[in-house]
């Protein structure tokens, strides 16, 4: 049988004081209804939402510093690779344009055969 501990402590002096304390301010009319509505809404499952599930997963993953650093490095690497690829494409286009301009400046017959 569980017998409450009656050893003297801060709880034994506080308990009678809390039992004698009364609130003198009246509550507004809809207070109880709002409280019961919040209790009813809190117990009901909110349903499965993709955004909420993703946010919870990200919060759980990024709570670990190692995952956060790894994710940041992954994004930086992806950005660098995409930038390098874009720069390569742009450089190839410029090389082609410069070669065409060079041929136009050197070959006088190129103007006659080139499209208008």
C-alpha atoms as a PDB file:
ATOM      1  CA  UNK A   1       0.000   0.000   0.000  1.00  0.00           C
ATOM      2  CA  UNK A   2       1.283   3.477  -0.861  1.00  0.00           C
ATOM      3  CA  UNK A   3       1.466   5.732   2.144  1.00  0.00           C
ATOM      4  CA  UNK A   4       2.194   9.393   1.421  1.00  0.00           C
ATOM      5  CA  UNK A   5       5.501  10.616   2.731  1.00  0.00           C
ATOM      6  CA  UNK A   6       4.878  12.869   5.719  1.00  0.00           C
ATOM      7  CA  UNK A   7       8.453  14.032   6.124  1.00  0.00           C
ATOM      8  CA  UNK A   8       8.688  17.764   6.765  1.00  0.00           C
ATOM      9  CA  UNK A   9       9.707  19.751   3.723  1.00  0.00           C
ATOM     10  CA  UNK A  10       8.697  22.696   1.591  1.00  0.00           C
ATOM     11  CA  UNK A  11       5.634  20.823   0.263  1.00  0.00           C
ATOM     12  CA  UNK A  12       4.086  20.282   3.710  1.00  0.00           C
ATOM     13  CA  UNK A  13       4.005  23.999   4.507  1.00  0.00           C
ATOM     14  CA  UNK A  14       2.818  24.992   1.048  1.00  0.00           C
ATOM     15  CA  UNK A  15      -0.079  22.558   0.709  1.00  0.00           C
ATOM     16  CA  UNK A  16      -2.341  24.093   3.405  1.00  0.00           C
ATOM     17  CA  UNK A  17      -1.579  27.571   2.093  1.00  0.00           C
ATOM     18  CA  UNK A  18      -2.607  26.587  -1.444  1.00  0.00           C
ATOM     19  CA  UNK A  19      -5.829  24.999  -0.179  1.00  0.00           C
ATOM     20  CA  UNK A  20      -6.871  28.224   1.581  1.00  0.00           C
ATOM     21  CA  UNK A  21      -6.084  30.455  -1.408  1.00  0.00           C
ATOM     22  CA  UNK A  22      -9.101  31.681  -3.376  1.00  0.00           C
ATOM     23  CA  UNK A  23      -9.351  33.774  -6.538  1.00  0.00           C
ATOM     24  CA  UNK A  24     -11.487  36.884  -6.076  1.00  0.00           C
ATOM     25  CA  UNK A  25     -11.736  37.910  -9.752  1.00  0.00           C
ATOM     26  CA  UNK A  26     -14.780  36.510 -11.590  1.00  0.00           C
ATOM     27  CA  UNK A  27     -14.193  34.770 -14.901  1.00  0.00           C
ATOM     28  CA  UNK A  28     -15.782  36.028 -18.109  1.00  0.00           C
ATOM     29  CA  UNK A  29     -18.845  34.289 -19.519  1.00  0.00           C
ATOM     30  CA  UNK A  30     -17.172  32.191 -22.251  1.00  0.00           C
ATOM     31  CA  UNK A  31     -14.129  31.086 -20.260  1.00  0.00           C
ATOM     32  CA  UNK A  32     -15.307  27.564 -19.429  1.00  0.00           C
ATOM     33  CA  UNK A  33     -16.570  26.971 -22.985  1.00  0.00           C
ATOM     34  CA  UNK A  34     -13.219  28.055 -24.428  1.00  0.00           C
ATOM     35  CA  UNK A  35     -11.337  25.823 -22.006  1.00  0.00           C
ATOM     36  CA  UNK A  36     -13.444  22.777 -22.896  1.00  0.00           C
ATOM     37  CA  UNK A  37     -13.141  23.556 -26.620  1.00  0.00           C
ATOM     38  CA  UNK A  38      -9.343  23.708 -26.324  1.00  0.00           C
ATOM     39  CA  UNK A  39      -9.308  20.426 -24.399  1.00  0.00           C
ATOM     40  CA  UNK A  40     -11.471  18.772 -27.061  1.00  0.00           C
ATOM     41  CA  UNK A  41      -9.295  20.118 -29.905  1.00  0.00           C
ATOM     42  CA  UNK A  42      -6.080  19.135 -28.162  1.00  0.00           C
ATOM     43  CA  UNK A  43      -7.105  15.499 -27.834  1.00  0.00           C
ATOM     44  CA  UNK A  44      -8.271  15.123 -31.445  1.00  0.00           C
ATOM     45  CA  UNK A  45      -5.635  14.075 -33.980  1.00  0.00           C
ATOM     46  CA  UNK A  46      -4.876  16.850 -36.448  1.00  0.00           C
ATOM     47  CA  UNK A  47      -4.567  14.426 -39.340  1.00  0.00           C
ATOM     48  CA  UNK A  48      -1.556  13.661 -41.450  1.00  0.00           C
ATOM     49  CA  UNK A  49      -0.227  16.683 -43.258  1.00  0.00           C
ATOM     50  CA  UNK A  50       2.808  16.449 -45.490  1.00  0.00           C
ATOM     51  CA  UNK A  51       4.102  19.869 -44.478  1.00  0.00           C
ATOM     52  CA  UNK A  52       3.846  19.139 -40.764  1.00  0.00           C
ATOM     53  CA  UNK A  53       5.485  15.733 -41.173  1.00  0.00           C
ATOM     54  CA  UNK A  54       8.324  17.211 -43.239  1.00  0.00           C
ATOM     55  CA  UNK A  55       8.836  20.026 -40.747  1.00  0.00           C
ATOM     56  CA  UNK A  56       8.946  17.574 -37.840  1.00  0.00           C
ATOM     57  CA  UNK A  57      11.439  15.372 -39.695  1.00  0.00           C
ATOM     58  CA  UNK A  58      13.668  18.348 -40.536  1.00  0.00           C
ATOM     59  CA  UNK A  59      13.513  19.593 -36.948  1.00  0.00           C
ATOM     60  CA  UNK A  60      14.555  16.164 -35.738  1.00  0.00           C
ATOM     61  CA  UNK A  61      17.393  15.849 -38.268  1.00  0.00           C
ATOM     62  CA  UNK A  62      18.800  19.345 -37.815  1.00  0.00           C
ATOM     63  CA  UNK A  63      18.814  19.017 -34.057  1.00  0.00           C
ATOM     64  CA  UNK A  64      21.962  16.978 -34.641  1.00  0.00           C
ATOM     65  CA  UNK A  65      24.942  19.201 -35.545  1.00  0.00           C
ATOM     66  CA  UNK A  66      26.533  16.522 -37.718  1.00  0.00           C
ATOM     67  CA  UNK A  67      23.446  16.297 -39.956  1.00  0.00           C
ATOM     68  CA  UNK A  68      23.255  20.087 -40.213  1.00  0.00           C
ATOM     69  CA  UNK A  69      26.881  20.368 -41.278  1.00  0.00           C
ATOM     70  CA  UNK A  70      26.499  17.502 -43.747  1.00  0.00           C
ATOM     71  CA  UNK A  71      23.380  19.047 -45.288  1.00  0.00           C
ATOM     72  CA  UNK A  72      25.079  22.444 -45.602  1.00  0.00           C
ATOM     73  CA  UNK A  73      28.086  20.815 -47.291  1.00  0.00           C
ATOM     74  CA  UNK A  74      25.797  18.896 -49.648  1.00  0.00           C
ATOM     75  CA  UNK A  75      23.992  22.083 -50.689  1.00  0.00           C
ATOM     76  CA  UNK A  76      27.249  23.984 -51.157  1.00  0.00           C
ATOM     77  CA  UNK A  77      28.669  21.140 -53.277  1.00  0.00           C
ATOM     78  CA  UNK A  78      25.525  21.033 -55.412  1.00  0.00           C
ATOM     79  CA  UNK A  79      25.754  24.799 -55.911  1.00  0.00           C
ATOM     80  CA  UNK A  80      29.395  24.615 -56.902  1.00  0.00           C
ATOM     81  CA  UNK A  81      28.770  21.784 -59.367  1.00  0.00           C
ATOM     82  CA  UNK A  82      25.812  23.623 -60.913  1.00  0.00           C
ATOM     83  CA  UNK A  83      27.882  26.811 -61.185  1.00  0.00           C
ATOM     84  CA  UNK A  84      30.783  24.974 -62.791  1.00  0.00           C
ATOM     85  CA  UNK A  85      28.445  23.305 -65.289  1.00  0.00           C
ATOM     86  CA  UNK A  86      26.817  26.637 -66.145  1.00  0.00           C
ATOM     87  CA  UNK A  87      30.218  28.328 -66.558  1.00  0.00           C
ATOM     88  CA  UNK A  88      31.382  25.518 -68.880  1.00  0.00           C
ATOM     89  CA  UNK A  89      28.288  25.922 -71.046  1.00  0.00           C
ATOM     90  CA  UNK A  90      28.726  29.698 -71.195  1.00  0.00           C
ATOM     91  CA  UNK A  91      32.427  29.373 -72.024  1.00  0.00           C
ATOM     92  CA  UNK A  92      31.647  26.971 -74.889  1.00  0.00           C
ATOM     93  CA  UNK A  93      29.109  29.456 -76.294  1.00  0.00           C
ATOM     94  CA  UNK A  94      31.621  32.302 -76.078  1.00  0.00           C
ATOM     95  CA  UNK A  95      34.307  30.213 -77.751  1.00  0.00           C
ATOM     96  CA  UNK A  96      31.923  29.471 -80.636  1.00  0.00           C
ATOM     97  CA  UNK A  97      30.955  33.123 -80.964  1.00  0.00           C
ATOM     98  CA  UNK A  98      34.587  34.260 -80.924  1.00  0.00           C
ATOM     99  CA  UNK A  99      35.552  31.668 -83.547  1.00  0.00           C
ATOM    100  CA  UNK A 100      32.715  32.847 -85.777  1.00  0.00           C
ATOM    101  CA  UNK A 101      33.736  36.500 -85.381  1.00  0.00           C
ATOM    102  CA  UNK A 102      37.354  35.639 -86.162  1.00  0.00           C
ATOM    103  CA  UNK A 103      36.378  33.825 -89.339  1.00  0.00           C
ATOM    104  CA  UNK A 104      34.169  36.780 -90.324  1.00  0.00           C
ATOM    105  CA  UNK A 105      37.023  39.238 -89.826  1.00  0.00           C
ATOM    106  CA  UNK A 106      39.619  37.188 -91.760  1.00  0.00           C
ATOM    107  CA  UNK A 107      37.654  35.568 -94.591  1.00  0.00           C
ATOM    108  CA  UNK A 108      36.112  38.058 -97.014  1.00  0.00           C
ATOM    109  CA  UNK A 109      34.040  35.377 -98.766  1.00  0.00           C
ATOM    110  CA  UNK A 110      32.375  34.383 -95.485  1.00  0.00           C
ATOM    111  CA  UNK A 111      30.083  37.409 -95.739  1.00  0.00           C
ATOM    112  CA  UNK A 112      28.797  36.196 -99.070  1.00  0.00           C
ATOM    113  CA  UNK A 113      27.984  32.657 -97.863  1.00  0.00           C
ATOM    114  CA  UNK A 114      26.737  33.576 -94.388  1.00  0.00           C
ATOM    115  CA  UNK A 115      23.029  33.790 -93.669  1.00  0.00           C
ATOM    116  CA  UNK A 116      21.636  37.343 -93.486  1.00  0.00           C
END
